[in-house]
Amino acid sequence: MIKKLLSITAAILLLVALLPDTYGGDPGSVYIGVNDSERYYHRLKNLRKNDPKNAEISYKIANYYYGKEMYDKAIEEYKRTLKLDENHQNAKWFLSKSYISKGYYEKAFWLVRELIQKNKKSPELYDQAGELLVKMGEYAASREYFNKVDELKFGEVDGSKPIEALSRPNRDEWKKYF
């Protein structure tokens, strides 16, 4: 009888000792995946309350809102992040994505242009800018951006002979818009 009682007590003590390592809802202390997004959100809010000048915490809160498709709140938090750290490239990118989701194409375009100024070799940024210009009805300007995408990805300058490659990627994708 005493052996059973001792073994049950030992099992309970072992469970209590290992419990903090098995719960994955608190990303601040345990590095297992986040299972409880509300708890994660409140943890981030508490962290920001303790360190209001930390841009990364605001960025993570903005990403939380973006993931929940709460774009208005995400825009506010991305702007807050950029006030704290004006060179936060990821915050600018996701702020432009949030603007696109809300239909603010011109604001999104100018954010992408700022990103292009710092990352001139990124074809994804030029492609995004071209797509935004198409949505705004600026087809002639978008053509320049799509030409730059072809140049960066495939080495193809507008009007030149394309560089031969072993695989033939889908070139001139932009022409379907004109």
C-alpha atoms as a PDB file:
ATOM      1  CA  MET A   1       0.000   0.000   0.000  1.00  0.00           C
ATOM      2  CA  ILE A   2       2.789   2.425   0.920  1.00  0.00           C
ATOM      3  CA  LYS A   3       4.689   1.491  -2.248  1.00  0.00           C
ATOM      4  CA  LYS A   4       1.630   2.380  -4.382  1.00  0.00           C
ATOM      5  CA  LEU A   5       1.193   5.679  -2.567  1.00  0.00           C
ATOM      6  CA  LEU A   6       4.879   6.529  -2.969  1.00  0.00           C
ATOM      7  CA  SER A   7       4.872   5.620  -6.671  1.00  0.00           C
ATOM      8  CA  ILE A   8       1.778   7.775  -7.322  1.00  0.00           C
ATOM      9  CA  THR A   9       3.335  10.676  -5.400  1.00  0.00           C
ATOM     10  CA  ALA A  10       6.594  10.304  -7.342  1.00  0.00           C
ATOM     11  CA  ALA A  11       4.703  10.298 -10.655  1.00  0.00           C
ATOM     12  CA  ILE A  12       2.802  13.453  -9.684  1.00  0.00           C
ATOM     13  CA  LEU A  13       6.009  15.197  -8.606  1.00  0.00           C
ATOM     14  CA  LEU A  14       7.683  14.224 -11.860  1.00  0.00           C
ATOM     15  CA  LEU A  15       4.714  15.561 -13.840  1.00  0.00           C
ATOM     16  CA  VAL A  16       4.768  18.850 -11.927  1.00  0.00           C
ATOM     17  CA  ALA A  17       8.534  19.172 -12.445  1.00  0.00           C
ATOM     18  CA  LEU A  18       8.245  18.611 -16.208  1.00  0.00           C
ATOM     19  CA  LEU A  19       5.056  20.642 -16.765  1.00  0.00           C
ATOM     20  CA  PRO A  20       6.758  23.957 -17.699  1.00  0.00           C
ATOM     21  CA  ASP A  21       8.725  22.160 -20.419  1.00  0.00           C
ATOM     22  CA  THR A  22       5.652  20.579 -21.997  1.00  0.00           C
ATOM     23  CA  TYR A  23       3.505  23.697 -22.395  1.00  0.00           C
ATOM     24  CA  GLY A  24       4.119  25.543 -25.643  1.00  0.00           C
ATOM     25  CA  GLY A  25       1.963  28.639 -25.189  1.00  0.00           C
ATOM     26  CA  ASP A  26       4.513  30.964 -23.627  1.00  0.00           C
ATOM     27  CA  PRO A  27       7.187  31.820 -26.217  1.00  0.00           C
ATOM     28  CA  GLY A  28       9.123  33.951 -23.739  1.00  0.00           C
ATOM     29  CA  SER A  29      10.214  31.030 -21.600  1.00  0.00           C
ATOM     30  CA  VAL A  30       9.639  27.882 -23.668  1.00  0.00           C
ATOM     31  CA  TYR A  31      10.856  27.413 -27.244  1.00  0.00           C
ATOM     32  CA  ILE A  32       8.193  24.958 -28.354  1.00  0.00           C
ATOM     33  CA  GLY A  33       5.670  26.113 -30.971  1.00  0.00           C
ATOM     34  CA  VAL A  34       2.937  28.515 -29.924  1.00  0.00           C
ATOM     35  CA  ASN A  35      -0.302  26.646 -29.271  1.00  0.00           C
ATOM     36  CA  ASP A  36      -2.312  29.443 -27.679  1.00  0.00           C
ATOM     37  CA  SER A  37      -2.246  32.579 -29.809  1.00  0.00           C
ATOM     38  CA  GLU A  38      -4.215  34.651 -27.295  1.00  0.00           C
ATOM     39  CA  ARG A  39      -1.673  33.921 -24.603  1.00  0.00           C
ATOM     40  CA  TYR A  40       1.120  34.786 -27.043  1.00  0.00           C
ATOM     41  CA  TYR A  41      -0.585  38.089 -27.839  1.00  0.00           C
ATOM     42  CA  HIS A  42      -1.004  38.997 -24.170  1.00  0.00           C
ATOM     43  CA  ARG A  43       2.595  38.015 -23.487  1.00  0.00           C
ATOM     44  CA  LEU A  44       3.739  40.396 -26.237  1.00  0.00           C
ATOM     45  CA  LYS A  45       1.546  43.192 -24.857  1.00  0.00           C
ATOM     46  CA  ASN A  46       3.083  42.697 -21.406  1.00  0.00           C
ATOM     47  CA  LEU A  47       6.573  42.702 -22.873  1.00  0.00           C
ATOM     48  CA  ARG A  48       5.815  45.968 -24.644  1.00  0.00           C
ATOM     49  CA  LYS A  49       4.451  47.455 -21.437  1.00  0.00           C
ATOM     50  CA  ASN A  50       7.837  46.758 -19.828  1.00  0.00           C
ATOM     51  CA  ASP A  51       9.853  47.951 -22.858  1.00  0.00           C
ATOM     52  CA  PRO A  52       7.786  50.418 -24.946  1.00  0.00           C
ATOM     53  CA  LYS A  53      10.796  51.516 -27.069  1.00  0.00           C
ATOM     54  CA  ASN A  54      11.474  48.020 -28.433  1.00  0.00           C
ATOM     55  CA  ALA A  55      10.593  47.972 -32.144  1.00  0.00           C
ATOM     56  CA  GLU A  56      10.777  44.181 -32.435  1.00  0.00           C
ATOM     57  CA  ILE A  57       7.976  43.667 -29.927  1.00  0.00           C
ATOM     58  CA  SER A  58       5.713  46.065 -31.855  1.00  0.00           C
ATOM     59  CA  TYR A  59       6.689  44.278 -35.060  1.00  0.00           C
ATOM     60  CA  LYS A  60       5.680  40.909 -33.580  1.00  0.00           C
ATOM     61  CA  ILE A  61       2.362  42.345 -32.402  1.00  0.00           C
ATOM     62  CA  ALA A  62       1.791  43.725 -35.908  1.00  0.00           C
ATOM     63  CA  ASN A  63       2.568  40.299 -37.378  1.00  0.00           C
ATOM     64  CA  TYR A  64       0.034  38.794 -34.982  1.00  0.00           C
ATOM     65  CA  TYR A  65      -2.638  41.173 -36.305  1.00  0.00           C
ATOM     66  CA  TYR A  66      -1.555  40.582 -39.902  1.00  0.00           C
ATOM     67  CA  GLY A  67      -1.831  36.810 -39.388  1.00  0.00           C
ATOM     68  CA  LYS A  68      -5.334  37.267 -37.973  1.00  0.00           C
ATOM     69  CA  GLU A  69      -6.227  39.445 -41.015  1.00  0.00           C
ATOM     70  CA  MET A  70      -6.863  42.456 -38.773  1.00  0.00           C
ATOM     71  CA  TYR A  71      -5.210  44.809 -41.251  1.00  0.00           C
ATOM     72  CA  ASP A  72      -6.235  48.118 -39.651  1.00  0.00           C
ATOM     73  CA  LYS A  73      -4.585  47.182 -36.365  1.00  0.00           C
ATOM     74  CA  ALA A  74      -1.617  45.690 -38.212  1.00  0.00           C
ATOM     75  CA  ILE A  75      -1.122  48.992 -40.057  1.00  0.00           C
ATOM     76  CA  GLU A  76      -1.130  50.887 -36.751  1.00  0.00           C
ATOM     77  CA  GLU A  77       1.444  48.534 -35.242  1.00  0.00           C
ATOM     78  CA  TYR A  78       3.699  48.558 -38.311  1.00  0.00           C
ATOM     79  CA  LYS A  79       3.633  52.355 -38.237  1.00  0.00           C
ATOM     80  CA  ARG A  80       4.530  52.251 -34.552  1.00  0.00           C
ATOM     81  CA  THR A  81       7.426  49.925 -35.370  1.00  0.00           C
ATOM     82  CA  LEU A  82       8.657  52.322 -38.048  1.00  0.00           C
ATOM     83  CA  LYS A  83       8.462  55.256 -35.620  1.00  0.00           C
ATOM     84  CA  LEU A  84      10.729  53.334 -33.266  1.00  0.00           C
ATOM     85  CA  ASP A  85      13.042  52.031 -36.006  1.00  0.00           C
ATOM     86  CA  GLU A  86      12.644  53.806 -39.344  1.00  0.00           C
ATOM     87  CA  ASN A  87      14.993  51.347 -41.105  1.00  0.00           C
ATOM     88  CA  HIS A  88      12.998  48.194 -40.234  1.00  0.00           C
ATOM     89  CA  GLN A  89      12.775  46.629 -43.705  1.00  0.00           C
ATOM     90  CA  ASN A  90      10.404  43.796 -42.779  1.00  0.00           C
ATOM     91  CA  ALA A  91       7.956  46.210 -41.165  1.00  0.00           C
ATOM     92  CA  LYS A  92       7.915  48.298 -44.372  1.00  0.00           C
ATOM     93  CA  TRP A  93       7.307  45.194 -46.471  1.00  0.00           C
ATOM     94  CA  PHE A  94       4.408  43.955 -44.367  1.00  0.00           C
ATOM     95  CA  LEU A  95       3.001  47.467 -44.026  1.00  0.00           C
ATOM     96  CA  SER A  96       2.863  47.622 -47.829  1.00  0.00           C
ATOM     97  CA  LYS A  97       1.169  44.193 -47.865  1.00  0.00           C
ATOM     98  CA  SER A  98      -1.379  45.449 -45.324  1.00  0.00           C
ATOM     99  CA  TYR A  99      -2.026  48.536 -47.447  1.00  0.00           C
ATOM    100  CA  ILE A 100      -2.589  46.298 -50.472  1.00  0.00           C
ATOM    101  CA  SER A 101      -5.104  44.241 -48.497  1.00  0.00           C
ATOM    102  CA  LYS A 102      -7.007  47.419 -47.657  1.00  0.00           C
ATOM    103  CA  GLY A 103      -6.806  48.737 -51.259  1.00  0.00           C
ATOM    104  CA  TYR A 104      -4.357  51.601 -50.567  1.00  0.00           C
ATOM    105  CA  TYR A 105      -2.215  50.883 -53.611  1.00  0.00           C
ATOM    106  CA  GLU A 106      -0.456  54.223 -53.846  1.00  0.00           C
ATOM    107  CA  LYS A 107       0.754  54.125 -50.226  1.00  0.00           C
ATOM    108  CA  ALA A 108       1.919  50.556 -50.750  1.00  0.00           C
ATOM    109  CA  PHE A 109       3.744  51.532 -53.944  1.00  0.00           C
ATOM    110  CA  TRP A 110       5.756  54.276 -52.233  1.00  0.00           C
ATOM    111  CA  LEU A 111       6.778  51.899 -49.446  1.00  0.00           C
ATOM    112  CA  VAL A 112       7.961  49.379 -52.021  1.00  0.00           C
ATOM    113  CA  ARG A 113       9.883  52.171 -53.779  1.00  0.00           C
ATOM    114  CA  GLU A 114      11.676  52.928 -50.497  1.00  0.00           C
ATOM    115  CA  LEU A 115      12.586  49.260 -50.210  1.00  0.00           C
ATOM    116  CA  ILE A 116      13.865  49.242 -53.798  1.00  0.00           C
ATOM    117  CA  GLN A 117      16.177  52.165 -52.974  1.00  0.00           C
ATOM    118  CA  LYS A 118      17.892  50.003 -50.334  1.00  0.00           C
ATOM    119  CA  ASN A 119      17.691  46.665 -52.223  1.00  0.00           C
ATOM    120  CA  LYS A 120      18.270  47.453 -55.895  1.00  0.00           C
ATOM    121  CA  LYS A 121      19.019  43.833 -56.822  1.00  0.00           C
ATOM    122  CA  SER A 122      15.738  42.322 -55.557  1.00  0.00           C
ATOM    123  CA  PRO A 123      13.475  41.272 -58.445  1.00  0.00           C
ATOM    124  CA  GLU A 124      10.603  40.576 -56.020  1.00  0.00           C
ATOM    125  CA  LEU A 125      10.427  44.239 -55.082  1.00  0.00           C
ATOM    126  CA  TYR A 126      10.368  45.384 -58.697  1.00  0.00           C
ATOM    127  CA  ASP A 127       7.681  42.801 -59.444  1.00  0.00           C
ATOM    128  CA  GLN A 128       5.578  44.033 -56.504  1.00  0.00           C
ATOM    129  CA  ALA A 129       5.954  47.647 -57.662  1.00  0.00           C
ATOM    130  CA  GLY A 130       4.920  46.662 -61.189  1.00  0.00           C
ATOM    131  CA  GLU A 131       1.865  44.793 -59.903  1.00  0.00           C
ATOM    132  CA  LEU A 132       0.838  47.817 -57.859  1.00  0.00           C
ATOM    133  CA  LEU A 133       1.191  50.114 -60.859  1.00  0.00           C
ATOM    134  CA  VAL A 134      -1.001  47.765 -62.895  1.00  0.00           C
ATOM    135  CA  LYS A 135      -3.649  47.914 -60.156  1.00  0.00           C
ATOM    136  CA  MET A 136      -3.437  51.714 -60.240  1.00  0.00           C
ATOM    137  CA  GLY A 137      -3.795  51.751 -64.048  1.00  0.00           C
ATOM    138  CA  GLU A 138      -0.238  53.000 -64.720  1.00  0.00           C
ATOM    139  CA  TYR A 139       0.610  50.458 -67.429  1.00  0.00           C
ATOM    140  CA  ALA A 140       3.487  52.327 -69.080  1.00  0.00           C
ATOM    141  CA  ALA A 141       5.303  52.800 -65.778  1.00  0.00           C
ATOM    142  CA  SER A 142       4.670  49.200 -64.741  1.00  0.00           C
ATOM    143  CA  ARG A 143       6.315  47.982 -67.939  1.00  0.00           C
ATOM    144  CA  GLU A 144       9.611  49.508 -66.807  1.00  0.00           C
ATOM    145  CA  TYR A 145       9.439  47.617 -63.520  1.00  0.00           C
ATOM    146  CA  PHE A 146       8.600  44.326 -65.225  1.00  0.00           C
ATOM    147  CA  ASN A 147      11.500  44.865 -67.651  1.00  0.00           C
ATOM    148  CA  LYS A 148      13.786  45.298 -64.633  1.00  0.00           C
ATOM    149  CA  VAL A 149      12.464  42.016 -63.195  1.00  0.00           C
ATOM    150  CA  ASP A 150      13.352  40.237 -66.448  1.00  0.00           C
ATOM    151  CA  GLU A 151      16.783  41.844 -66.408  1.00  0.00           C
ATOM    152  CA  LEU A 152      17.514  40.829 -62.810  1.00  0.00           C
ATOM    153  CA  LYS A 153      16.095  37.312 -63.022  1.00  0.00           C
ATOM    154  CA  PHE A 154      17.054  36.263 -66.524  1.00  0.00           C
ATOM    155  CA  GLY A 155      19.708  38.730 -67.648  1.00  0.00           C
ATOM    156  CA  GLU A 156      17.349  39.943 -70.350  1.00  0.00           C
ATOM    157  CA  VAL A 157      17.482  43.644 -71.154  1.00  0.00           C
ATOM    158  CA  ASP A 158      14.404  45.058 -72.928  1.00  0.00           C
ATOM    159  CA  GLY A 159      14.911  44.645 -76.683  1.00  0.00           C
ATOM    160  CA  SER A 160      18.032  42.490 -76.394  1.00  0.00           C
ATOM    161  CA  LYS A 161      18.525  38.863 -77.228  1.00  0.00           C
ATOM    162  CA  PRO A 162      17.851  36.738 -74.116  1.00  0.00           C
ATOM    163  CA  ILE A 163      20.662  34.774 -72.542  1.00  0.00           C
ATOM    164  CA  GLU A 164      20.291  31.077 -73.273  1.00  0.00           C
ATOM    165  CA  ALA A 165      19.654  28.922 -70.226  1.00  0.00           C
ATOM    166  CA  LEU A 166      19.392  25.185 -69.724  1.00  0.00           C
ATOM    167  CA  SER A 167      15.827  25.586 -68.530  1.00  0.00           C
ATOM    168  CA  ARG A 168      13.546  27.997 -70.365  1.00  0.00           C
ATOM    169  CA  PRO A 169      11.733  29.958 -67.646  1.00  0.00           C
ATOM    170  CA  ASN A 170       8.479  31.717 -68.385  1.00  0.00           C
ATOM    171  CA  ARG A 171       9.732  35.003 -69.809  1.00  0.00           C
ATOM    172  CA  ASP A 172       7.843  38.171 -70.640  1.00  0.00           C
ATOM    173  CA  GLU A 173       5.082  37.351 -68.165  1.00  0.00           C
ATOM    174  CA  TRP A 174       4.283  41.064 -67.979  1.00  0.00           C
ATOM    175  CA  LYS A 175       3.133  41.200 -71.623  1.00  0.00           C
ATOM    176  CA  LYS A 176      -0.230  39.677 -70.757  1.00  0.00           C
ATOM    177  CA  TYR A 177      -1.164  42.972 -69.053  1.00  0.00           C
ATOM    178  CA  PHE A 178      -0.778  45.015 -72.254  1.00  0.00           C
END
